Protein backbone atom coordinates (compact mmCIF):
# COMPACT_ATOMS: atom_id res chain seq x y z
CA UNK A 1 16.77 8.45 21.20
CA UNK A 2 19.69 9.74 19.32
CA UNK A 3 21.16 6.82 17.25
CA UNK A 4 24.45 8.42 17.08
CA UNK A 5 25.10 7.86 13.37
CA UNK A 6 24.64 11.45 12.17
CA UNK A 7 27.16 12.15 9.52
CA UNK A 8 27.82 8.73 8.70
CA UNK A 9 27.72 7.41 5.01
CA UNK A 10 25.13 4.77 4.03
CA UNK A 11 24.65 2.87 0.87
CA UNK A 12 20.99 1.51 0.60
CA UNK A 13 19.99 -0.63 -2.27
CA UNK A 14 16.59 -0.92 -3.88
CA UNK A 15 15.97 2.32 -2.20
CA UNK A 16 13.37 3.76 -4.86
CA UNK A 17 10.37 2.37 -3.03
CA UNK A 18 9.21 0.01 -0.67
CA UNK A 19 11.39 -1.48 2.30
CA UNK A 20 14.56 0.18 1.07
CA UNK A 21 12.95 3.64 0.60
CA UNK A 22 11.78 2.98 4.36
CA UNK A 23 15.32 2.21 5.47
CA UNK A 24 16.74 5.36 3.44
CA UNK A 25 14.08 7.60 5.02
CA UNK A 26 14.87 6.53 8.58
CA UNK A 27 18.59 7.16 8.17
CA UNK A 28 18.32 10.44 6.54
CA UNK A 29 16.11 11.67 9.37
CA UNK A 30 18.99 10.72 11.74
CA UNK A 31 21.38 12.88 9.64
CA UNK A 32 23.02 10.06 7.80
CA UNK A 33 24.32 10.84 4.27
CA UNK A 34 22.90 8.39 1.90
CA UNK A 35 23.69 6.84 -1.50
CA UNK A 36 20.48 5.32 -2.86
CA UNK A 37 20.52 2.68 -5.61
CA UNK A 38 17.88 1.16 -7.81
CA UNK A 39 17.50 0.42 -11.39
CA UNK A 40 14.83 3.11 -12.50
CA UNK A 41 16.40 6.39 -13.14
CA UNK A 42 13.30 8.68 -13.14
CA UNK A 43 11.77 7.16 -9.89
CA UNK A 44 15.12 7.16 -8.20
CA UNK A 45 15.64 10.87 -8.96
CA UNK A 46 12.04 11.65 -7.64
CA UNK A 47 12.73 9.41 -4.22
CA UNK A 48 16.22 11.52 -3.70
CA UNK A 49 14.16 14.65 -4.00
CA UNK A 50 11.61 13.47 -1.67
CA UNK A 51 14.32 12.26 0.80
CA UNK A 52 15.79 15.64 0.77
CA UNK A 53 12.36 17.21 1.38
CA UNK A 54 11.37 14.73 3.89
CA UNK A 55 14.43 14.65 6.13
CA UNK A 56 17.71 15.61 4.92
CA UNK A 57 18.98 18.97 4.85
CA UNK A 58 22.42 20.39 3.26
CA UNK A 59 23.69 21.15 6.77
CA UNK A 60 22.70 17.81 8.12
CA UNK A 61 22.76 14.91 5.39
CA UNK A 62 23.53 14.55 1.64
CA UNK A 63 21.65 12.44 -0.66
CA UNK A 64 23.34 10.88 -3.73
CA UNK A 65 21.74 8.41 -6.21
CA UNK A 66 22.99 5.97 -8.67
CA UNK A 67 20.42 4.24 -11.21
CA UNK A 68 22.05 0.85 -11.60
CA UNK A 69 21.32 -2.77 -11.34
CA UNK A 70 23.24 -3.62 -8.24
CA UNK A 71 23.14 -7.37 -8.89
CA UNK A 72 25.59 -6.77 -11.55
CA UNK A 73 29.13 -6.14 -11.72
CA UNK A 74 28.68 -3.13 -13.87
CA UNK A 75 26.19 -1.88 -11.35
CA UNK A 76 28.48 -2.15 -8.32
CA UNK A 77 31.31 -0.51 -10.25
CA UNK A 78 29.01 2.31 -11.00
CA UNK A 79 28.11 2.80 -7.39
CA UNK A 80 31.85 2.47 -5.71
CA UNK A 81 32.84 5.16 -8.72
CA UNK A 82 30.68 7.63 -7.05
CA UNK A 83 31.67 6.58 -3.47
CA UNK A 84 34.07 3.86 -2.28
CA UNK A 85 33.68 4.00 1.56
CA UNK A 86 30.51 3.30 3.55
CA UNK A 87 29.99 3.15 7.17
CA UNK A 88 26.50 1.66 6.60
CA UNK A 89 25.34 -0.90 4.07
CA UNK A 90 21.64 -2.00 3.55
CA UNK A 91 21.51 -4.79 0.89
CA UNK A 92 18.32 -5.33 -0.67
CA UNK A 93 17.31 -7.01 -4.06
CA UNK A 94 13.84 -7.74 -5.28
CA UNK A 95 12.82 -11.27 -4.50
CA UNK A 96 12.77 -13.91 -7.44
CA UNK A 97 9.21 -14.65 -8.75
CA UNK A 98 6.88 -17.32 -7.20
CA UNK A 99 5.96 -20.62 -8.68
CA UNK A 100 6.36 -24.28 -8.88
CA UNK A 101 9.90 -25.48 -8.39
CA UNK A 102 9.31 -28.04 -11.29
CA UNK A 103 9.13 -25.08 -13.64
CA UNK A 104 12.55 -23.47 -12.75
CA UNK A 105 15.37 -24.22 -14.72
CA UNK A 106 19.24 -23.70 -14.00
CA UNK A 107 19.12 -20.20 -15.30
CA UNK A 108 16.30 -19.27 -12.81
CA UNK A 109 18.13 -20.56 -9.84
CA UNK A 110 21.51 -18.88 -10.71
CA UNK A 111 19.53 -15.57 -11.25
CA UNK A 112 18.03 -16.03 -7.86
CA UNK A 113 21.35 -17.02 -6.14
CA UNK A 114 23.33 -14.09 -7.87
CA UNK A 115 20.63 -11.41 -6.76
CA UNK A 116 19.79 -12.60 -3.15
CA UNK A 117 23.10 -14.39 -2.04
CA UNK A 118 25.99 -13.40 -4.17
CA UNK A 119 25.43 -9.67 -4.40
CA UNK A 120 25.05 -9.15 -0.80
CA UNK A 121 28.28 -11.10 -0.21
CA UNK A 122 29.98 -8.90 -2.88
CA UNK A 123 28.82 -5.62 -1.16
CA UNK A 124 29.78 -6.87 2.06
CA UNK A 125 33.51 -8.13 0.83
CA UNK A 126 33.81 -4.61 -0.86
CA UNK A 127 33.16 -2.50 2.30
CA UNK A 128 33.77 -4.37 5.78
CA UNK A 129 37.62 -4.01 5.62
CA UNK A 130 37.30 -0.07 5.46
CA UNK A 131 34.68 -0.29 8.06
CA UNK A 132 36.92 -2.31 10.48
CA UNK A 133 39.77 0.03 9.66
CA UNK A 134 37.69 2.97 10.70
CA UNK A 135 36.36 1.06 13.83
CA UNK A 136 32.64 1.46 12.93
CA UNK A 137 30.33 -0.72 10.47
CA UNK A 138 26.88 -1.69 10.15
CA UNK A 139 25.59 -4.12 7.40
CA UNK A 140 21.79 -4.97 7.39
CA UNK A 141 20.73 -7.50 4.83
CA UNK A 142 17.03 -7.51 3.96
CA UNK A 143 16.07 -11.04 3.47
CA UNK A 144 12.62 -12.53 4.25
CA UNK A 145 10.59 -14.31 6.94
CA UNK A 146 10.81 -17.35 4.62
CA UNK A 147 14.31 -17.88 5.90
CA UNK A 148 12.56 -19.04 9.23
CA UNK A 149 9.29 -20.34 7.90
CA UNK A 150 9.65 -21.32 4.18
CA UNK A 151 6.86 -20.45 1.77
CA UNK A 152 6.09 -23.12 -0.84
CA UNK A 153 5.76 -20.87 -3.67
CA UNK A 154 8.83 -18.89 -2.93
CA UNK A 155 11.31 -21.79 -3.30
CA UNK A 156 13.76 -19.64 -5.21
CA UNK A 157 13.64 -17.04 -2.36
CA UNK A 158 13.69 -19.71 0.26
CA UNK A 159 17.00 -21.27 -1.20
CA UNK A 160 18.82 -18.25 -2.12
CA UNK A 161 18.44 -16.27 1.14
CA UNK A 162 18.89 -19.27 3.26
CA UNK A 163 22.33 -19.35 1.70
CA UNK A 164 23.12 -15.88 2.53
CA UNK A 165 21.99 -16.38 5.99
CA UNK A 166 24.26 -19.29 6.68
CA UNK A 167 27.20 -17.15 5.23
CA UNK A 168 26.27 -14.19 7.52
CA UNK A 169 26.14 -16.59 10.45
CA UNK A 170 29.93 -17.22 9.93
CA UNK A 171 31.31 -13.88 8.70
CA UNK A 172 29.80 -11.92 11.46
CA UNK A 173 31.46 -13.89 14.02
CA UNK A 174 34.99 -13.32 12.76
CA UNK A 175 37.27 -10.58 14.07
CA UNK A 176 35.16 -8.13 12.47
CA UNK A 177 32.83 -8.18 15.56
CA UNK A 178 35.78 -6.93 17.70
CA UNK A 179 36.60 -4.32 15.12
CA UNK A 180 33.38 -2.65 15.70
CA UNK A 181 31.53 -4.12 12.57
CA UNK A 182 28.28 -5.97 12.84
CA UNK A 183 26.35 -7.87 10.19
CA UNK A 184 22.65 -8.81 10.76
CA UNK A 185 19.66 -9.75 8.54
CA UNK A 186 16.43 -8.20 8.86
CA UNK A 187 13.53 -10.49 7.91
CA UNK A 188 10.38 -9.01 6.73
CA UNK A 189 6.95 -10.59 6.88
CA UNK A 190 4.08 -9.16 5.21
CA UNK A 191 4.52 -5.56 4.40
CA UNK A 192 2.49 -3.21 2.52
CA UNK A 193 4.69 -3.20 -0.64
CA UNK A 194 4.47 -3.62 -4.41
CA UNK A 195 6.08 -7.03 -3.89
CA UNK A 196 3.19 -8.10 -1.66
CA UNK A 197 0.51 -6.82 -3.76
CA UNK A 198 1.88 -8.53 -6.81
CA UNK A 199 1.93 -11.89 -5.05
CA UNK A 200 -1.48 -11.45 -3.75
CA UNK A 201 -2.70 -10.40 -7.21
CA UNK A 202 -1.25 -13.70 -8.66
CA UNK A 203 -3.00 -15.66 -6.05
CA UNK A 204 -6.51 -13.76 -6.73
CA UNK A 205 -6.26 -14.47 -10.40
CA UNK A 206 -5.17 -18.13 -9.66
CA UNK A 207 -8.25 -18.65 -7.36
CA UNK A 208 -10.77 -16.36 -8.90
CA UNK A 209 -11.10 -14.47 -5.90
CA UNK A 210 -11.25 -10.67 -5.66
CA UNK A 211 -7.98 -9.07 -4.71
CA UNK A 212 -9.40 -7.46 -1.69
CA UNK A 213 -10.67 -10.89 -0.28
CA UNK A 214 -7.25 -12.54 -0.88
CA UNK A 215 -5.48 -9.43 1.05
CA UNK A 216 -8.07 -9.71 3.94
CA UNK A 217 -7.67 -13.34 4.28
CA UNK A 218 -3.78 -12.56 4.38
CA UNK A 219 -4.14 -10.13 7.08
CA UNK A 220 -6.33 -12.33 9.14
CA UNK A 221 -3.22 -14.82 9.26
CA UNK A 222 -1.21 -12.12 11.17
CA UNK A 223 -1.69 -11.71 14.93
CA UNK A 224 -1.43 -7.82 14.55
CA UNK A 225 -4.20 -8.09 11.85
CA UNK A 226 -2.54 -5.90 9.63
CA UNK A 227 0.49 -5.51 7.16
CA UNK A 228 3.60 -3.70 8.31
CA UNK A 229 4.60 -0.13 6.93
CA UNK A 230 7.64 0.57 5.29
CA UNK A 231 8.49 3.36 7.77
CA UNK A 232 8.22 1.08 10.77
CA UNK A 233 10.50 -1.46 9.00
CA UNK A 234 12.86 1.36 8.22
CA UNK A 235 12.78 2.48 12.00
CA UNK A 236 14.01 -1.14 12.95
CA UNK A 237 16.87 -1.04 10.35
CA UNK A 238 18.09 2.28 11.60
CA UNK A 239 18.15 1.09 15.14
CA UNK A 240 20.28 -2.04 13.79
CA UNK A 241 22.59 0.71 11.97
CA UNK A 242 22.88 2.78 15.44
CA UNK A 243 25.71 2.81 17.94
CA UNK A 244 23.15 1.17 20.30
CA UNK A 245 23.18 -2.15 18.51
CA UNK A 246 26.87 -2.66 18.56
CA UNK A 247 26.47 -5.94 20.73
CA UNK A 248 24.07 -7.41 18.15
CA UNK A 249 25.68 -9.29 15.20
CA UNK A 250 25.15 -12.37 13.31
CA UNK A 251 21.31 -12.14 14.10
CA UNK A 252 18.03 -12.74 12.28
CA UNK A 253 15.70 -10.00 13.18
CA UNK A 254 12.19 -11.15 12.35
CA UNK A 255 9.52 -8.39 11.75
CA UNK A 256 6.31 -9.98 10.86
CA UNK A 257 3.48 -8.99 13.26
CA UNK A 258 3.74 -12.17 15.22
CA UNK A 259 3.04 -14.43 12.03
CA UNK A 260 5.89 -16.83 12.75
CA UNK A 261 4.54 -19.49 15.27
CA UNK A 262 7.80 -20.71 16.63
CA UNK A 263 9.15 -20.21 20.18
CA UNK A 264 12.81 -19.60 18.85
């Protein structure tokens, strides 16, 4: 299927590895020009080279990168100094650490809200009017399955990402929808990423079990009996960015191998 987005420009955040990288890979394979952002300069530069080798070609797509913390004012300024207008924006920031809510102070909450709610809102605010003026725009926020099924040890993420979800539910249904701009959230369940391995490692240390035993037990809770891959997550993201998804906006698209037990 031709997604109809070749030649568009995309900003992909947290794109040096994991789900952000999966999204960037899927987009460049469709001929989308991408500007990828992450904090680690060396890893990000290597990722850009991989994207070019893997899918982008000079005659098809361009790959730019900015090493910056997108959750800061300075980081966003660095990105928009390189390029101001984007047709596609994929927001993505690492989730806050797990733990017991009793141990989180005000600073911990503000940091979580800043990264996982306010940063996506700032990126939306900075780009949607240009998208609307051009008659095409796609914003995909990578959030979490915990928005639908909260995870007790991820209270910071549950709260901050739920705030973003509520905001998107409103703004996606403004006149932007009639101007060709869609805003959706993509909710990952358990995917084979460093984030998952870190969480499982913490669980293993807490229970005294081997890491592989904890991972295997986690897999067995998923009807698909496996973890997702960044590549298949990226494919879903690319579809949401495509011309074919123009009638989908304000949605929470869950990718979790069937783990969520609800009907709705």
